[in-house]
Amino acid sequence: MDKEQHEKISCPVFQKQETAIKDITDKINKTERVQEKVRFAQELQKEVDVLLSCPDYKSESLDCESCRFLGELRKRTAELIIKAKKLA
C-alpha cells in the first residue's frame, strides 16, 4: 500500500493513529541502537493495538480491511524488531 492509498482510508481512528505510527516508524529508522529500536517497537505495538481493537471495525468495509491489513503488517514488523534484540 502506498502513501496515496493510506490517505484514502477515511477513518478518524486510522488518521489519528497513522500520524503517531509514522512518527514512531521514523524514530525506529533513524536510530542505530538496538535498545532504542526495541523501545520504539514496543511503542509501535501499543499504537497498532489501537487500530486492531477498533470498536468501529466493520468486516464489510474496505477502509477497515485496509486498516486491519496495515495494522497486522506493522504488528509483525514490531515483533521482528523486538525479536532481533535477542540476536544483538
C-alpha atoms as a PDB file:
ATOM      1  CA  MET A   1       0.000   0.000   0.000  1.00  0.00           C
ATOM      2  CA  ASP A   2       1.429   3.365  -0.943  1.00  0.00           C
ATOM      3  CA  LYS A   3       1.007   6.779   0.647  1.00  0.00           C
ATOM      4  CA  GLU A   4      -1.904   7.656  -1.611  1.00  0.00           C
ATOM      5  CA  GLN A   5      -3.831   4.584  -0.504  1.00  0.00           C
ATOM      6  CA  HIS A   6      -3.167   5.425   3.159  1.00  0.00           C
ATOM      7  CA  GLU A   7      -4.695   8.838   2.606  1.00  0.00           C
ATOM      8  CA  LYS A   8      -7.796   7.254   1.093  1.00  0.00           C
ATOM      9  CA  ILE A   9      -8.678   5.443   4.316  1.00  0.00           C
ATOM     10  CA  SER A  10     -11.360   7.738   5.617  1.00  0.00           C
ATOM     11  CA  CYS A  11     -11.486   6.836   9.274  1.00  0.00           C
ATOM     12  CA  PRO A  12     -10.746   9.236  12.123  1.00  0.00           C
ATOM     13  CA  VAL A  13      -9.226   6.452  14.255  1.00  0.00           C
ATOM     14  CA  PHE A  14      -6.880   5.435  11.436  1.00  0.00           C
ATOM     15  CA  GLN A  15      -5.898   9.023  10.619  1.00  0.00           C
ATOM     16  CA  LYS A  16      -5.067   9.768  14.257  1.00  0.00           C
ATOM     17  CA  GLN A  17      -3.092   6.567  14.762  1.00  0.00           C
ATOM     18  CA  GLU A  18      -1.363   6.869  11.402  1.00  0.00           C
ATOM     19  CA  THR A  19       0.276  10.113  12.486  1.00  0.00           C
ATOM     20  CA  ALA A  20       1.604   8.535  15.688  1.00  0.00           C
ATOM     21  CA  ILE A  21       2.678   5.364  13.865  1.00  0.00           C
ATOM     22  CA  LYS A  22       4.599   7.330  11.226  1.00  0.00           C
ATOM     23  CA  ASP A  23       6.429   9.290  13.931  1.00  0.00           C
ATOM     24  CA  ILE A  24       7.446   6.107  15.738  1.00  0.00           C
ATOM     25  CA  THR A  25       8.457   4.404  12.489  1.00  0.00           C
ATOM     26  CA  ASP A  26      10.680   7.362  11.638  1.00  0.00           C
ATOM     27  CA  LYS A  27      12.340   7.075  15.046  1.00  0.00           C
ATOM     28  CA  ILE A  28      12.938   3.349  14.517  1.00  0.00           C
ATOM     29  CA  ASN A  29      14.505   4.010  11.127  1.00  0.00           C
ATOM     30  CA  LYS A  30      16.726   6.843  12.357  1.00  0.00           C
ATOM     31  CA  THR A  31      18.239   5.210  15.415  1.00  0.00           C
ATOM     32  CA  GLU A  32      21.105   2.772  15.179  1.00  0.00           C
ATOM     33  CA  ARG A  33      20.991   1.436  18.726  1.00  0.00           C
ATOM     34  CA  VAL A  34      19.100  -1.832  19.063  1.00  0.00           C
ATOM     35  CA  GLN A  35      17.802  -0.964  22.528  1.00  0.00           C
ATOM     36  CA  GLU A  36      16.211   2.216  21.206  1.00  0.00           C
ATOM     37  CA  LYS A  37      14.714   0.387  18.240  1.00  0.00           C
ATOM     38  CA  VAL A  38      13.165  -2.119  20.642  1.00  0.00           C
ATOM     39  CA  ARG A  39      11.744   0.631  22.834  1.00  0.00           C
ATOM     40  CA  PHE A  40      10.195   2.326  19.802  1.00  0.00           C
ATOM     41  CA  ALA A  41       8.918  -1.015  18.505  1.00  0.00           C
ATOM     42  CA  GLN A  42       7.120  -1.537  21.809  1.00  0.00           C
ATOM     43  CA  GLU A  43       5.526   1.889  21.407  1.00  0.00           C
ATOM     44  CA  LEU A  44       4.575   0.935  17.859  1.00  0.00           C
ATOM     45  CA  GLN A  45       2.842  -2.188  19.150  1.00  0.00           C
ATOM     46  CA  LYS A  46       0.709  -0.106  21.513  1.00  0.00           C
ATOM     47  CA  GLU A  47      -0.351   2.278  18.748  1.00  0.00           C
ATOM     48  CA  VAL A  48      -1.096  -0.587  16.352  1.00  0.00           C
ATOM     49  CA  ASP A  49      -3.162  -2.339  19.026  1.00  0.00           C
ATOM     50  CA  VAL A  50      -5.483   0.668  18.979  1.00  0.00           C
ATOM     51  CA  LEU A  51      -6.149   0.014  15.286  1.00  0.00           C
ATOM     52  CA  LEU A  52      -6.551  -3.715  15.723  1.00  0.00           C
ATOM     53  CA  SER A  53      -9.001  -3.311  18.599  1.00  0.00           C
ATOM     54  CA  CYS A  54     -11.098  -0.605  16.949  1.00  0.00           C
ATOM     55  CA  PRO A  55     -14.683  -0.745  18.238  1.00  0.00           C
ATOM     56  CA  ASP A  56     -15.953   0.626  14.903  1.00  0.00           C
ATOM     57  CA  TYR A  57     -14.455  -2.225  12.829  1.00  0.00           C
ATOM     58  CA  LYS A  58     -16.761  -3.468  10.070  1.00  0.00           C
ATOM     59  CA  SER A  59     -15.589  -6.505   8.132  1.00  0.00           C
ATOM     60  CA  GLU A  60     -17.503  -5.412   5.035  1.00  0.00           C
ATOM     61  CA  SER A  61     -15.741  -2.037   4.898  1.00  0.00           C
ATOM     62  CA  LEU A  62     -12.801  -1.698   2.508  1.00  0.00           C
ATOM     63  CA  ASP A  63     -11.337   1.029   4.739  1.00  0.00           C
ATOM     64  CA  CYS A  64     -11.497  -1.296   7.745  1.00  0.00           C
ATOM     65  CA  GLU A  65      -9.957  -4.163   5.819  1.00  0.00           C
ATOM     66  CA  SER A  66      -7.115  -1.944   4.584  1.00  0.00           C
ATOM     67  CA  CYS A  67      -6.551  -0.586   8.070  1.00  0.00           C
ATOM     68  CA  ARG A  68      -6.532  -4.086   9.564  1.00  0.00           C
ATOM     69  CA  PHE A  69      -4.064  -5.268   6.910  1.00  0.00           C
ATOM     70  CA  LEU A  70      -1.689  -2.392   7.669  1.00  0.00           C
ATOM     71  CA  GLY A  71      -2.096  -2.940  11.385  1.00  0.00           C
ATOM     72  CA  GLU A  72      -1.198  -6.621  11.143  1.00  0.00           C
ATOM     73  CA  LEU A  73       1.799  -5.829   8.951  1.00  0.00           C
ATOM     74  CA  ARG A  74       3.086  -3.239  11.385  1.00  0.00           C
ATOM     75  CA  LYS A  75       2.478  -5.555  14.328  1.00  0.00           C
ATOM     76  CA  ARG A  76       4.659  -8.205  12.686  1.00  0.00           C
ATOM     77  CA  THR A  77       7.334  -5.611  11.970  1.00  0.00           C
ATOM     78  CA  ALA A  78       7.409  -4.535  15.613  1.00  0.00           C
ATOM     79  CA  GLU A  79       7.612  -8.169  16.727  1.00  0.00           C
ATOM     80  CA  LEU A  80      10.564  -8.791  14.420  1.00  0.00           C
ATOM     81  CA  ILE A  81      12.438  -5.796  15.775  1.00  0.00           C
ATOM     82  CA  ILE A  82      11.847  -6.967  19.329  1.00  0.00           C
ATOM     83  CA  LYS A  83      12.999 -10.490  18.476  1.00  0.00           C
ATOM     84  CA  ALA A  84      16.125  -9.082  16.808  1.00  0.00           C
ATOM     85  CA  LYS A  85      17.182  -7.763  20.213  1.00  0.00           C
ATOM     86  CA  LYS A  86      17.989 -11.339  21.183  1.00  0.00           C
ATOM     87  CA  LEU A  87      20.390 -11.603  18.263  1.00  0.00           C
ATOM     88  CA  ALA A  88      22.278  -8.436  19.140  1.00  0.00           C
END
